[in-house]
Structure formats: C-alpha cells, structure tokens
Amino acid sequence: MSNFDLRSAARPDPDAILAAIADYTVADLPDSPVAFTTARYCLLDALACAFLALRVTECTKLIGPVAPGAEFRGGARVPGTTYELDPVTAAFNIGTMVRWLDFNDTWLAAEWGHPSDNLGAILAVADYRNRRGGSRGNRGASPMTVRDLLGAMIKAYEIQGVLSLENSFNRVGLDHVLLVRIASTAVATHLLGGSREQIIDS
C-alpha cells in the first residue's frame, strides 16, 4: 500500500513496473543474433498474414482513411496498399491486416497473446518517422534501418511477453490486448523521440 497522501499536490513516484518498462525501452539492446533472426522471421510472418488478409473483402472494407479523401500525403504507408495515412489510422490498418486471419504468432503463458499485434504501431510510427525526417526533437536524425525496426519489435515482444508470464487479465475479465497497448505505447513513444519520463507518462 502506498503512503501517498491524496491531499498532496506533489506528484508521486511512478510505479516500479512503469519505470522498469521505460528503462528497458530506452536502453540499447544486446547484440543477440538469435533475437534479431527471430524478429526477422516474425516480421515476415506478420507481413505474409497482412498481405493474405488483403484478399478478404471484409478486411479491406475496414482499412483506408477514416473518410474518403482523408489521406495524409507523406504519412505512414500501409503495406500492400497505396494508402498514406496519419500514424494512428495507419496503425489500425496494419494491425487489422496482421490480425485478420488470426494466423499470426502466439505466446502462451499466464496470459496469452499475439506479439505481432504490436506491428501496427511499430510499422506505422517507423515509416512516419522516416518520411518526416526523424523523431520529434531529433530532426535530421539518421533514418531508421530494418535493424532498428527489428530492435523495436524485440523490445515490444519482450515487454508483452514478460508481463504475460505472471499476469492473467482474462481471469478478471479483461482482454489480453491490454499488454499490446502497454508494449506498443512504450516502443512507439520511444520511436517518436520520447524520453524515459514521457514513456512512463504515456
């Protein structure tokens, strides 16, 4: 139980788990050939699922701009389509495509989940960032490479996976995608140039 006084205007310290997620997100990854090779396979698998979903009319009805003509020139591209959208809409489009057939990867622990669900946010933010010339506060930064993208995937997969080991949200009536929200938010904030504190706040 916290000793936080509700009458105080002082901001309490963040929960330890939020600080740990932020610290991990901003840290450099160790050079693990196995992790990067696995991430590459996961990326290829997710993209294959997404491209196959484009053959399904029910899926294609849901993707695209939120209103006709509401595309965002220079925005995030949606793989396999001609759409250029704002990052949030692009993330929804990509996530819908990856998940539509329910063939994408699965992680089973105390909670189950599909770590490639994080690719909606990661791919949209990475493409948007590269097309706009870098992350916020870091204009002109080197473009993200595929290795950078794989590193972001590794971080999102590990955040979601580690939280899944000991937390079962379905048991209390919450959907497992809660962990995708946590992992995607941390990694996307970092990709957009967010600091450790901004990752905690997000």
N, C-alpha and C. Protein backbone atom coordinates (compact mmCIF):
# COMPACT_ATOMS: atom_id res chain seq x y z
N MET A 1 0.84 -1.18 0.00
CA MET A 1 0.00 0.00 0.00
C MET A 1 0.88 1.23 0.00
N SER A 2 0.53 2.19 -0.78
CA SER A 2 1.30 3.42 -0.92
C SER A 2 1.08 4.35 0.26
N ASN A 3 2.09 5.15 0.56
CA ASN A 3 1.97 6.18 1.59
C ASN A 3 1.56 7.51 0.98
N PHE A 4 1.05 7.51 -0.22
CA PHE A 4 0.70 8.74 -0.93
C PHE A 4 -0.49 9.40 -0.26
N ASP A 5 -0.36 10.69 0.01
CA ASP A 5 -1.43 11.48 0.62
C ASP A 5 -2.27 12.09 -0.49
N LEU A 6 -3.54 11.74 -0.55
CA LEU A 6 -4.43 12.23 -1.59
C LEU A 6 -4.56 13.75 -1.58
N ARG A 7 -4.30 14.38 -0.45
CA ARG A 7 -4.44 15.84 -0.35
C ARG A 7 -3.21 16.56 -0.86
N SER A 8 -2.15 15.83 -1.11
CA SER A 8 -0.90 16.44 -1.54
C SER A 8 -0.95 16.78 -3.03
N ALA A 9 -0.34 17.89 -3.39
CA ALA A 9 -0.21 18.28 -4.80
C ALA A 9 1.08 17.74 -5.41
N ALA A 10 1.90 17.11 -4.58
CA ALA A 10 3.17 16.55 -5.08
C ALA A 10 2.89 15.30 -5.91
N ARG A 11 3.59 15.19 -7.00
CA ARG A 11 3.43 14.02 -7.86
C ARG A 11 4.16 12.84 -7.24
N PRO A 12 3.49 11.70 -7.11
CA PRO A 12 4.17 10.52 -6.55
C PRO A 12 5.15 9.94 -7.55
N ASP A 13 6.07 9.14 -7.05
CA ASP A 13 6.98 8.43 -7.94
C ASP A 13 6.17 7.43 -8.77
N PRO A 14 6.62 7.15 -10.00
CA PRO A 14 5.88 6.18 -10.82
C PRO A 14 5.99 4.78 -10.22
N ASP A 15 5.05 3.94 -10.58
CA ASP A 15 5.12 2.54 -10.17
C ASP A 15 6.42 1.94 -10.69
N ALA A 16 6.97 1.02 -9.93
CA ALA A 16 8.25 0.41 -10.29
C ALA A 16 8.19 -0.27 -11.65
N ILE A 17 7.06 -0.89 -11.98
CA ILE A 17 6.96 -1.60 -13.26
C ILE A 17 7.00 -0.62 -14.43
N LEU A 18 6.41 0.57 -14.26
CA LEU A 18 6.46 1.57 -15.33
C LEU A 18 7.88 2.07 -15.53
N ALA A 19 8.59 2.28 -14.43
CA ALA A 19 9.99 2.71 -14.53
C ALA A 19 10.84 1.63 -15.20
N ALA A 20 10.59 0.37 -14.86
CA ALA A 20 11.36 -0.73 -15.46
C ALA A 20 11.09 -0.83 -16.97
N ILE A 21 9.83 -0.67 -17.37
CA ILE A 21 9.49 -0.72 -18.80
C ILE A 21 10.18 0.43 -19.53
N ALA A 22 10.13 1.62 -18.96
CA ALA A 22 10.76 2.78 -19.59
C ALA A 22 12.27 2.61 -19.68
N ASP A 23 12.89 2.13 -18.61
CA ASP A 23 14.34 1.92 -18.61
C ASP A 23 14.74 0.92 -19.71
N TYR A 24 13.98 -0.16 -19.81
CA TYR A 24 14.27 -1.16 -20.84
C TYR A 24 14.07 -0.59 -22.24
N THR A 25 13.03 0.20 -22.41
CA THR A 25 12.71 0.74 -23.73
C THR A 25 13.78 1.68 -24.25
N VAL A 26 14.36 2.49 -23.37
CA VAL A 26 15.36 3.47 -23.83
C VAL A 26 16.77 2.88 -23.87
N ALA A 27 16.97 1.70 -23.28
CA ALA A 27 18.30 1.09 -23.24
C ALA A 27 18.66 0.48 -24.59
N ASP A 28 19.97 0.36 -24.84
CA ASP A 28 20.44 -0.33 -26.03
C ASP A 28 20.22 -1.82 -25.86
N LEU A 29 19.87 -2.48 -26.95
CA LEU A 29 19.71 -3.93 -26.92
C LEU A 29 21.06 -4.61 -27.00
N PRO A 30 21.23 -5.73 -26.30
CA PRO A 30 22.46 -6.50 -26.52
C PRO A 30 22.44 -7.06 -27.94
N ASP A 31 23.60 -7.31 -28.49
CA ASP A 31 23.68 -7.84 -29.85
C ASP A 31 23.44 -9.34 -29.79
N SER A 32 22.20 -9.73 -30.01
CA SER A 32 21.81 -11.14 -29.95
C SER A 32 21.38 -11.59 -31.35
N PRO A 33 22.26 -12.32 -32.06
CA PRO A 33 21.87 -12.79 -33.40
C PRO A 33 20.59 -13.61 -33.39
N VAL A 34 20.38 -14.41 -32.35
CA VAL A 34 19.16 -15.22 -32.28
C VAL A 34 17.92 -14.33 -32.19
N ALA A 35 17.98 -13.31 -31.35
CA ALA A 35 16.82 -12.41 -31.20
C ALA A 35 16.52 -11.69 -32.50
N PHE A 36 17.54 -11.19 -33.17
CA PHE A 36 17.31 -10.44 -34.41
C PHE A 36 16.84 -11.35 -35.54
N THR A 37 17.37 -12.57 -35.61
CA THR A 37 16.91 -13.52 -36.63
C THR A 37 15.45 -13.90 -36.38
N THR A 38 15.11 -14.14 -35.12
CA THR A 38 13.73 -14.48 -34.77
C THR A 38 12.79 -13.32 -35.09
N ALA A 39 13.21 -12.10 -34.77
CA ALA A 39 12.39 -10.92 -35.07
C ALA A 39 12.16 -10.79 -36.58
N ARG A 40 13.19 -11.08 -37.36
CA ARG A 40 13.04 -11.01 -38.82
C ARG A 40 12.00 -12.02 -39.30
N TYR A 41 12.05 -13.25 -38.77
CA TYR A 41 11.04 -14.25 -39.13
C TYR A 41 9.64 -13.79 -38.72
N CYS A 42 9.54 -13.20 -37.54
CA CYS A 42 8.24 -12.72 -37.05
C CYS A 42 7.70 -11.61 -37.95
N LEU A 43 8.58 -10.71 -38.40
CA LEU A 43 8.17 -9.64 -39.30
C LEU A 43 7.66 -10.22 -40.62
N LEU A 44 8.40 -11.16 -41.19
CA LEU A 44 7.99 -11.77 -42.45
C LEU A 44 6.66 -12.51 -42.30
N ASP A 45 6.49 -13.22 -41.19
CA ASP A 45 5.25 -13.94 -40.94
C ASP A 45 4.07 -12.97 -40.83
N ALA A 46 4.26 -11.89 -40.09
CA ALA A 46 3.18 -10.92 -39.90
C ALA A 46 2.81 -10.24 -41.22
N LEU A 47 3.82 -9.88 -42.01
CA LEU A 47 3.54 -9.26 -43.30
C LEU A 47 2.82 -10.23 -44.24
N ALA A 48 3.20 -11.51 -44.20
CA ALA A 48 2.51 -12.51 -45.02
C ALA A 48 1.04 -12.61 -44.61
N CYS A 49 0.78 -12.61 -43.31
CA CYS A 49 -0.61 -12.62 -42.82
C CYS A 49 -1.36 -11.39 -43.31
N ALA A 50 -0.70 -10.22 -43.24
CA ALA A 50 -1.33 -8.97 -43.66
C ALA A 50 -1.65 -8.98 -45.15
N PHE A 51 -0.70 -9.43 -45.96
CA PHE A 51 -0.93 -9.43 -47.41
C PHE A 51 -2.03 -10.41 -47.80
N LEU A 52 -2.09 -11.56 -47.13
CA LEU A 52 -3.15 -12.52 -47.43
C LEU A 52 -4.51 -11.95 -47.02
N ALA A 53 -4.55 -11.19 -45.94
CA ALA A 53 -5.81 -10.59 -45.48
C ALA A 53 -6.36 -9.60 -46.49
N LEU A 54 -5.50 -9.03 -47.33
CA LEU A 54 -5.97 -8.09 -48.35
C LEU A 54 -6.83 -8.77 -49.41
N ARG A 55 -6.87 -10.10 -49.41
CA ARG A 55 -7.74 -10.83 -50.34
C ARG A 55 -9.15 -11.00 -49.77
N VAL A 56 -9.34 -10.58 -48.52
CA VAL A 56 -10.62 -10.77 -47.83
C VAL A 56 -11.40 -9.45 -47.84
N THR A 57 -12.53 -9.45 -48.52
CA THR A 57 -13.32 -8.22 -48.68
C THR A 57 -13.70 -7.61 -47.33
N GLU A 58 -14.07 -8.44 -46.37
CA GLU A 58 -14.47 -7.92 -45.06
C GLU A 58 -13.34 -7.15 -44.40
N CYS A 59 -12.11 -7.56 -44.64
CA CYS A 59 -10.95 -6.86 -44.09
C CYS A 59 -10.73 -5.55 -44.84
N THR A 60 -10.75 -5.61 -46.15
CA THR A 60 -10.44 -4.40 -46.93
C THR A 60 -11.50 -3.31 -46.77
N LYS A 61 -12.72 -3.70 -46.37
CA LYS A 61 -13.76 -2.70 -46.10
C LYS A 61 -13.41 -1.84 -44.88
N LEU A 62 -12.60 -2.39 -43.99
CA LEU A 62 -12.29 -1.70 -42.73
C LEU A 62 -11.04 -0.84 -42.80
N ILE A 63 -10.25 -1.01 -43.84
CA ILE A 63 -8.99 -0.26 -43.89
C ILE A 63 -9.10 0.92 -44.85
N GLY A 64 -8.15 1.81 -44.73
CA GLY A 64 -8.15 3.03 -45.54
C GLY A 64 -8.36 4.23 -44.64
N PRO A 65 -8.53 5.41 -45.22
CA PRO A 65 -8.73 6.61 -44.42
C PRO A 65 -10.08 6.56 -43.70
N VAL A 66 -10.21 7.34 -42.62
CA VAL A 66 -11.46 7.33 -41.86
C VAL A 66 -12.61 7.93 -42.64
N ALA A 67 -12.30 8.75 -43.62
CA ALA A 67 -13.31 9.33 -44.51
C ALA A 67 -12.70 9.39 -45.91
N PRO A 68 -13.53 9.27 -46.94
CA PRO A 68 -12.99 9.34 -48.31
C PRO A 68 -12.19 10.63 -48.52
N GLY A 69 -11.00 10.47 -49.07
CA GLY A 69 -10.15 11.62 -49.34
C GLY A 69 -9.35 12.11 -48.16
N ALA A 70 -9.46 11.44 -47.02
CA ALA A 70 -8.76 11.90 -45.81
C ALA A 70 -7.38 11.27 -45.67
N GLU A 71 -6.74 11.04 -46.79
CA GLU A 71 -5.38 10.51 -46.73
C GLU A 71 -4.43 11.62 -46.30
N PHE A 72 -3.23 11.22 -45.91
CA PHE A 72 -2.25 12.15 -45.36
C PHE A 72 -0.97 12.00 -46.16
N ARG A 73 -0.80 12.85 -47.17
CA ARG A 73 0.38 12.75 -48.04
C ARG A 73 1.64 12.88 -47.20
N GLY A 74 2.55 11.94 -47.39
CA GLY A 74 3.78 11.92 -46.60
C GLY A 74 3.60 11.26 -45.25
N GLY A 75 2.42 10.69 -45.02
CA GLY A 75 2.16 10.00 -43.76
C GLY A 75 2.69 8.58 -43.79
N ALA A 76 2.19 7.77 -42.89
CA ALA A 76 2.63 6.37 -42.81
C ALA A 76 1.94 5.57 -43.90
N ARG A 77 2.71 4.75 -44.59
CA ARG A 77 2.16 3.91 -45.65
C ARG A 77 1.66 2.60 -45.07
N VAL A 78 0.61 2.08 -45.68
CA VAL A 78 0.05 0.80 -45.28
C VAL A 78 0.54 -0.24 -46.28
N PRO A 79 1.35 -1.22 -45.84
CA PRO A 79 1.94 -2.19 -46.77
C PRO A 79 0.88 -2.90 -47.61
N GLY A 80 1.18 -3.06 -48.89
CA GLY A 80 0.28 -3.77 -49.79
C GLY A 80 -0.83 -2.91 -50.35
N THR A 81 -0.87 -1.63 -49.97
CA THR A 81 -1.90 -0.71 -50.45
C THR A 81 -1.23 0.57 -50.94
N THR A 82 -2.02 1.48 -51.43
CA THR A 82 -1.50 2.80 -51.82
C THR A 82 -1.79 3.85 -50.75
N TYR A 83 -2.35 3.44 -49.62
CA TYR A 83 -2.74 4.40 -48.58
C TYR A 83 -1.54 5.06 -47.92
N GLU A 84 -1.64 6.36 -47.71
CA GLU A 84 -0.73 7.14 -46.87
C GLU A 84 -1.62 7.81 -45.84
N LEU A 85 -1.45 7.45 -44.57
CA LEU A 85 -2.38 7.87 -43.53
C LEU A 85 -1.65 8.46 -42.34
N ASP A 86 -2.41 9.11 -41.47
CA ASP A 86 -1.81 9.55 -40.21
C ASP A 86 -1.38 8.30 -39.45
N PRO A 87 -0.40 8.40 -38.55
CA PRO A 87 0.13 7.20 -37.89
C PRO A 87 -0.90 6.38 -37.12
N VAL A 88 -1.88 7.04 -36.50
CA VAL A 88 -2.87 6.31 -35.72
C VAL A 88 -3.76 5.47 -36.64
N THR A 89 -4.24 6.06 -37.71
CA THR A 89 -5.09 5.32 -38.66
C THR A 89 -4.28 4.24 -39.37
N ALA A 90 -3.04 4.55 -39.71
CA ALA A 90 -2.18 3.53 -40.34
C ALA A 90 -1.95 2.37 -39.39
N ALA A 91 -1.75 2.65 -38.10
CA ALA A 91 -1.55 1.58 -37.12
C ALA A 91 -2.78 0.68 -37.05
N PHE A 92 -3.97 1.28 -37.07
CA PHE A 92 -5.19 0.48 -37.08
C PHE A 92 -5.26 -0.38 -38.34
N ASN A 93 -4.96 0.21 -39.49
CA ASN A 93 -5.00 -0.53 -40.76
C ASN A 93 -4.04 -1.71 -40.73
N ILE A 94 -2.80 -1.45 -40.36
CA ILE A 94 -1.78 -2.52 -40.35
C ILE A 94 -2.14 -3.58 -39.33
N GLY A 95 -2.55 -3.16 -38.14
CA GLY A 95 -2.93 -4.11 -37.11
C GLY A 95 -4.10 -4.98 -37.53
N THR A 96 -5.08 -4.38 -38.19
CA THR A 96 -6.23 -5.13 -38.69
C THR A 96 -5.79 -6.18 -39.70
N MET A 97 -4.92 -5.79 -40.60
CA MET A 97 -4.45 -6.72 -41.63
C MET A 97 -3.65 -7.88 -41.03
N VAL A 98 -2.75 -7.57 -40.11
CA VAL A 98 -1.92 -8.62 -39.50
C VAL A 98 -2.80 -9.61 -38.75
N ARG A 99 -3.82 -9.12 -38.07
CA ARG A 99 -4.61 -9.95 -37.17
C ARG A 99 -5.81 -10.61 -37.83
N TRP A 100 -6.21 -10.13 -39.02
CA TRP A 100 -7.50 -10.52 -39.59
C TRP A 100 -7.69 -12.03 -39.67
N LEU A 101 -6.76 -12.75 -40.18
CA LEU A 101 -6.91 -14.20 -40.38
C LEU A 101 -6.62 -15.00 -39.12
N ASP A 102 -6.09 -14.36 -38.11
CA ASP A 102 -5.73 -14.99 -36.84
C ASP A 102 -4.70 -16.10 -37.03
N PHE A 103 -3.80 -15.90 -38.01
CA PHE A 103 -2.72 -16.85 -38.26
C PHE A 103 -1.41 -16.37 -37.66
N ASN A 104 -1.40 -15.19 -37.09
CA ASN A 104 -0.12 -14.63 -36.63
C ASN A 104 0.35 -15.30 -35.34
N ASP A 105 1.57 -14.98 -34.96
CA ASP A 105 2.24 -15.66 -33.85
C ASP A 105 1.43 -15.62 -32.55
N THR A 106 1.71 -16.59 -31.68
CA THR A 106 1.01 -16.69 -30.39
C THR A 106 2.03 -16.95 -29.29
N TRP A 107 1.79 -16.32 -28.15
CA TRP A 107 2.62 -16.52 -26.96
C TRP A 107 1.69 -17.01 -25.87
N LEU A 108 2.03 -18.13 -25.24
CA LEU A 108 1.20 -18.70 -24.18
C LEU A 108 1.95 -18.67 -22.86
N ALA A 109 1.34 -18.07 -21.86
CA ALA A 109 1.91 -18.01 -20.51
C ALA A 109 0.73 -17.89 -19.56
N ALA A 110 0.88 -17.16 -18.44
CA ALA A 110 -0.28 -16.93 -17.58
C ALA A 110 -1.36 -16.19 -18.38
N GLU A 111 -0.91 -15.35 -19.29
CA GLU A 111 -1.80 -14.68 -20.26
C GLU A 111 -1.33 -15.06 -21.65
N TRP A 112 -2.24 -15.19 -22.58
CA TRP A 112 -1.85 -15.47 -23.95
C TRP A 112 -1.89 -14.17 -24.74
N GLY A 113 -1.34 -14.22 -25.92
CA GLY A 113 -1.36 -13.02 -26.75
C GLY A 113 -0.68 -13.26 -28.07
N HIS A 114 -0.78 -12.27 -28.92
CA HIS A 114 -0.18 -12.29 -30.25
C HIS A 114 0.79 -11.11 -30.32
N PRO A 115 2.08 -11.35 -30.08
CA PRO A 115 3.03 -10.23 -30.03
C PRO A 115 3.11 -9.43 -31.33
N SER A 116 2.82 -10.05 -32.46
CA SER A 116 2.89 -9.29 -33.71
C SER A 116 1.75 -8.27 -33.81
N ASP A 117 0.81 -8.29 -32.88
CA ASP A 117 -0.19 -7.22 -32.83
C ASP A 117 0.49 -5.86 -32.62
N ASN A 118 1.70 -5.87 -32.05
CA ASN A 118 2.45 -4.63 -31.85
C ASN A 118 2.92 -4.00 -33.16
N LEU A 119 2.93 -4.78 -34.24
CA LEU A 119 3.46 -4.26 -35.50
C LEU A 119 2.61 -3.16 -36.12
N GLY A 120 1.34 -3.08 -35.79
CA GLY A 120 0.54 -1.98 -36.28
C GLY A 120 1.16 -0.65 -35.88
N ALA A 121 1.42 -0.50 -34.60
CA ALA A 121 2.02 0.74 -34.09
C ALA A 121 3.46 0.90 -34.56
N ILE A 122 4.24 -0.17 -34.48
CA ILE A 122 5.67 -0.07 -34.79
C ILE A 122 5.90 0.30 -36.26
N LEU A 123 5.25 -0.40 -37.17
CA LEU A 123 5.46 -0.12 -38.60
C LEU A 123 4.94 1.27 -38.98
N ALA A 124 3.79 1.65 -38.44
CA ALA A 124 3.23 2.97 -38.77
C ALA A 124 4.13 4.09 -38.27
N VAL A 125 4.57 3.99 -37.02
CA VAL A 125 5.41 5.05 -36.45
C VAL A 125 6.78 5.08 -37.13
N ALA A 126 7.35 3.91 -37.40
CA ALA A 126 8.67 3.87 -38.04
C ALA A 126 8.63 4.51 -39.43
N ASP A 127 7.61 4.17 -40.21
CA ASP A 127 7.51 4.75 -41.55
C ASP A 127 7.23 6.24 -41.48
N TYR A 128 6.32 6.63 -40.61
CA TYR A 128 6.01 8.06 -40.44
C TYR A 128 7.25 8.84 -40.04
N ARG A 129 7.98 8.30 -39.08
CA ARG A 129 9.19 8.97 -38.60
C ARG A 129 10.21 9.12 -39.73
N ASN A 130 10.45 8.07 -40.47
CA ASN A 130 11.42 8.15 -41.57
C ASN A 130 10.99 9.14 -42.65
N ARG A 131 9.72 9.15 -42.96
CA ARG A 131 9.23 10.04 -44.02
C ARG A 131 9.18 11.50 -43.58
N ARG A 132 9.13 11.74 -42.29
CA ARG A 132 9.08 13.10 -41.77
C ARG A 132 10.45 13.62 -41.33
N GLY A 133 11.49 12.82 -41.52
CA GLY A 133 12.84 13.31 -41.25
C GLY A 133 13.35 13.13 -39.84
N GLY A 134 12.89 12.12 -39.14
CA GLY A 134 13.43 11.85 -37.81
C GLY A 134 12.38 11.95 -36.73
N SER A 135 12.79 11.67 -35.51
CA SER A 135 11.87 11.73 -34.38
C SER A 135 11.76 13.16 -33.87
N ARG A 136 10.71 13.42 -33.12
CA ARG A 136 10.49 14.75 -32.55
C ARG A 136 11.71 15.16 -31.74
N GLY A 137 12.17 16.35 -31.92
CA GLY A 137 13.34 16.81 -31.19
C GLY A 137 14.63 16.26 -31.76
N ASN A 138 14.53 15.50 -32.83
CA ASN A 138 15.72 14.87 -33.40
C ASN A 138 15.63 14.94 -34.92
N ARG A 139 15.15 16.07 -35.43
CA ARG A 139 15.01 16.24 -36.88
C ARG A 139 16.37 16.06 -37.55
N GLY A 140 16.34 15.44 -38.70
CA GLY A 140 17.58 15.21 -39.41
C GLY A 140 18.35 14.01 -38.89
N ALA A 141 17.76 13.28 -37.94
CA ALA A 141 18.42 12.08 -37.41
C ALA A 141 18.52 11.05 -38.52
N SER A 142 19.43 10.13 -38.36
CA SER A 142 19.57 9.06 -39.35
C SER A 142 18.25 8.31 -39.47
N PRO A 143 17.88 7.94 -40.68
CA PRO A 143 16.64 7.17 -40.84
C PRO A 143 16.74 5.84 -40.10
N MET A 144 15.59 5.34 -39.68
CA MET A 144 15.56 4.03 -39.06
C MET A 144 15.91 2.98 -40.10
N THR A 145 16.70 2.02 -39.69
CA THR A 145 17.04 0.90 -40.55
C THR A 145 16.13 -0.28 -40.22
N VAL A 146 16.20 -1.31 -41.03
CA VAL A 146 15.44 -2.52 -40.72
C VAL A 146 15.92 -3.08 -39.38
N ARG A 147 17.21 -2.98 -39.10
CA ARG A 147 17.71 -3.45 -37.80
C ARG A 147 17.08 -2.66 -36.65
N ASP A 148 16.92 -1.36 -36.82
CA ASP A 148 16.24 -0.55 -35.80
C ASP A 148 14.80 -1.02 -35.61
N LEU A 149 14.14 -1.31 -36.72
CA LEU A 149 12.77 -1.80 -36.67
C LEU A 149 12.71 -3.14 -35.93
N LEU A 150 13.64 -4.03 -36.24
CA LEU A 150 13.68 -5.33 -35.55
C LEU A 150 13.96 -5.14 -34.06
N GLY A 151 14.82 -4.19 -33.73
CA GLY A 151 15.08 -3.90 -32.32
C GLY A 151 13.84 -3.42 -31.60
N ALA A 152 13.04 -2.59 -32.26
CA ALA A 152 11.78 -2.12 -31.67
C ALA A 152 10.83 -3.30 -31.47
N MET A 153 10.80 -4.21 -32.43
CA MET A 153 9.97 -5.41 -32.29
C MET A 153 10.41 -6.24 -31.11
N ILE A 154 11.72 -6.45 -30.97
CA ILE A 154 12.24 -7.25 -29.86
C ILE A 154 11.80 -6.64 -28.54
N LYS A 155 11.92 -5.34 -28.41
CA LYS A 155 11.53 -4.68 -27.16
C LYS A 155 10.03 -4.86 -26.90
N ALA A 156 9.20 -4.66 -27.91
CA ALA A 156 7.76 -4.81 -27.72
C ALA A 156 7.40 -6.25 -27.38
N TYR A 157 8.00 -7.21 -28.08
CA TYR A 157 7.74 -8.62 -27.80
C TYR A 157 8.15 -8.96 -26.37
N GLU A 158 9.29 -8.47 -25.95
CA GLU A 158 9.77 -8.81 -24.61
C GLU A 158 8.95 -8.13 -23.52
N ILE A 159 8.54 -6.89 -23.74
CA ILE A 159 7.68 -6.23 -22.75
C ILE A 159 6.38 -7.00 -22.60
N GLN A 160 5.72 -7.27 -23.72
CA GLN A 160 4.47 -8.01 -23.67
C GLN A 160 4.68 -9.41 -23.09
N GLY A 161 5.74 -10.08 -23.52
CA GLY A 161 5.98 -11.45 -23.07
C GLY A 161 6.28 -11.56 -21.59
N VAL A 162 7.12 -10.67 -21.08
CA VAL A 162 7.46 -10.73 -19.65
C VAL A 162 6.23 -10.41 -18.80
N LEU A 163 5.44 -9.42 -19.21
CA LEU A 163 4.22 -9.12 -18.46
C LEU A 163 3.23 -10.29 -18.51
N SER A 164 3.24 -11.05 -19.60
CA SER A 164 2.34 -12.19 -19.76
C SER A 164 2.71 -13.36 -18.84
N LEU A 165 3.97 -13.41 -18.44
CA LEU A 165 4.41 -14.55 -17.63
C LEU A 165 3.67 -14.65 -16.30
N GLU A 166 3.36 -13.51 -15.69
CA GLU A 166 2.79 -13.55 -14.34
C GLU A 166 1.45 -12.84 -14.22
N ASN A 167 0.91 -12.34 -15.29
CA ASN A 167 -0.34 -11.58 -15.22
C ASN A 167 -1.37 -12.19 -16.16
N SER A 168 -2.52 -12.56 -15.61
CA SER A 168 -3.60 -13.10 -16.41
C SER A 168 -4.78 -12.14 -16.34
N PHE A 169 -4.96 -11.36 -17.38
CA PHE A 169 -6.04 -10.37 -17.39
C PHE A 169 -7.37 -11.01 -17.75
N ASN A 170 -7.35 -12.06 -18.58
CA ASN A 170 -8.60 -12.74 -18.92
C ASN A 170 -9.29 -13.29 -17.68
N ARG A 171 -8.50 -13.68 -16.70
CA ARG A 171 -9.05 -14.22 -15.47
C ARG A 171 -9.95 -13.23 -14.75
N VAL A 172 -9.69 -11.94 -14.95
CA VAL A 172 -10.51 -10.91 -14.30
C VAL A 172 -11.39 -10.17 -15.32
N GLY A 173 -11.55 -10.76 -16.50
CA GLY A 173 -12.47 -10.22 -17.48
C GLY A 173 -11.93 -9.15 -18.40
N LEU A 174 -10.61 -8.99 -18.45
CA LEU A 174 -10.00 -8.01 -19.36
C LEU A 174 -9.35 -8.74 -20.53
N ASP A 175 -9.44 -8.15 -21.70
CA ASP A 175 -8.88 -8.79 -22.88
C ASP A 175 -7.35 -8.71 -22.87
N HIS A 176 -6.71 -9.73 -23.39
CA HIS A 176 -5.25 -9.81 -23.37
C HIS A 176 -4.56 -8.72 -24.18
N VAL A 177 -5.28 -8.04 -25.07
CA VAL A 177 -4.62 -7.00 -25.85
C VAL A 177 -4.20 -5.81 -25.00
N LEU A 178 -4.58 -5.80 -23.74
CA LEU A 178 -4.09 -4.79 -22.81
C LEU A 178 -2.57 -4.74 -22.82
N LEU A 179 -1.93 -5.90 -22.92
CA LEU A 179 -0.47 -5.96 -22.91
C LEU A 179 0.12 -5.42 -24.22
N VAL A 180 -0.60 -5.55 -25.32
CA VAL A 180 -0.16 -4.94 -26.59
C VAL A 180 -0.16 -3.43 -26.43
N ARG A 181 -1.18 -2.91 -25.79
CA ARG A 181 -1.26 -1.46 -25.58
C ARG A 181 -0.06 -0.95 -24.80
N ILE A 182 0.31 -1.68 -23.77
CA ILE A 182 1.45 -1.26 -22.94
C ILE A 182 2.74 -1.29 -23.75
N ALA A 183 3.00 -2.42 -24.41
CA ALA A 183 4.24 -2.58 -25.17
C ALA A 183 4.31 -1.61 -26.34
N SER A 184 3.23 -1.51 -27.11
CA SER A 184 3.22 -0.62 -28.27
C SER A 184 3.38 0.84 -27.86
N THR A 185 2.73 1.22 -26.77
CA THR A 185 2.83 2.61 -26.31
C THR A 185 4.25 2.96 -25.92
N ALA A 186 4.89 2.09 -25.18
CA ALA A 186 6.27 2.35 -24.75
C ALA A 186 7.20 2.47 -25.95
N VAL A 187 7.13 1.52 -26.86
CA VAL A 187 8.04 1.50 -28.01
C VAL A 187 7.73 2.64 -28.98
N ALA A 188 6.46 2.89 -29.26
CA ALA A 188 6.10 3.98 -30.18
C ALA A 188 6.52 5.33 -29.62
N THR A 189 6.35 5.53 -28.33
CA THR A 189 6.78 6.79 -27.70
C THR A 189 8.28 6.98 -27.88
N HIS A 190 9.04 5.91 -27.67
CA HIS A 190 10.49 5.98 -27.84
C HIS A 190 10.86 6.26 -29.31
N LEU A 191 10.20 5.60 -30.24
CA LEU A 191 10.49 5.81 -31.66
C LEU A 191 10.21 7.25 -32.09
N LEU A 192 9.24 7.87 -31.45
CA LEU A 192 8.90 9.25 -31.76
C LEU A 192 9.77 10.26 -31.02
N GLY A 193 10.78 9.76 -30.30
CA GLY A 193 11.72 10.64 -29.62
C GLY A 193 11.37 10.92 -28.17
N GLY A 194 10.42 10.18 -27.62
CA GLY A 194 10.03 10.38 -26.23
C GLY A 194 11.12 9.98 -25.26
N SER A 195 11.20 10.71 -24.18
CA SER A 195 12.18 10.45 -23.13
C SER A 195 11.68 9.34 -22.20
N ARG A 196 12.53 8.93 -21.28
CA ARG A 196 12.15 7.94 -20.27
C ARG A 196 10.90 8.41 -19.53
N GLU A 197 10.88 9.68 -19.13
CA GLU A 197 9.76 10.22 -18.38
C GLU A 197 8.49 10.24 -19.23
N GLN A 198 8.64 10.55 -20.51
CA GLN A 198 7.47 10.56 -21.39
C GLN A 198 6.94 9.15 -21.63
N ILE A 199 7.83 8.17 -21.66
CA ILE A 199 7.39 6.78 -21.78
C ILE A 199 6.60 6.38 -20.54
N ILE A 200 7.08 6.75 -19.37
CA ILE A 200 6.35 6.46 -18.13
C ILE A 200 4.98 7.13 -18.17
N ASP A 201 4.93 8.39 -18.57
CA ASP A 201 3.67 9.13 -18.61
C ASP A 201 2.69 8.56 -19.63
N SER A 202 3.23 8.01 -20.73
CA SER A 202 2.34 7.53 -21.79
C SER A 202 1.62 6.26 -21.37
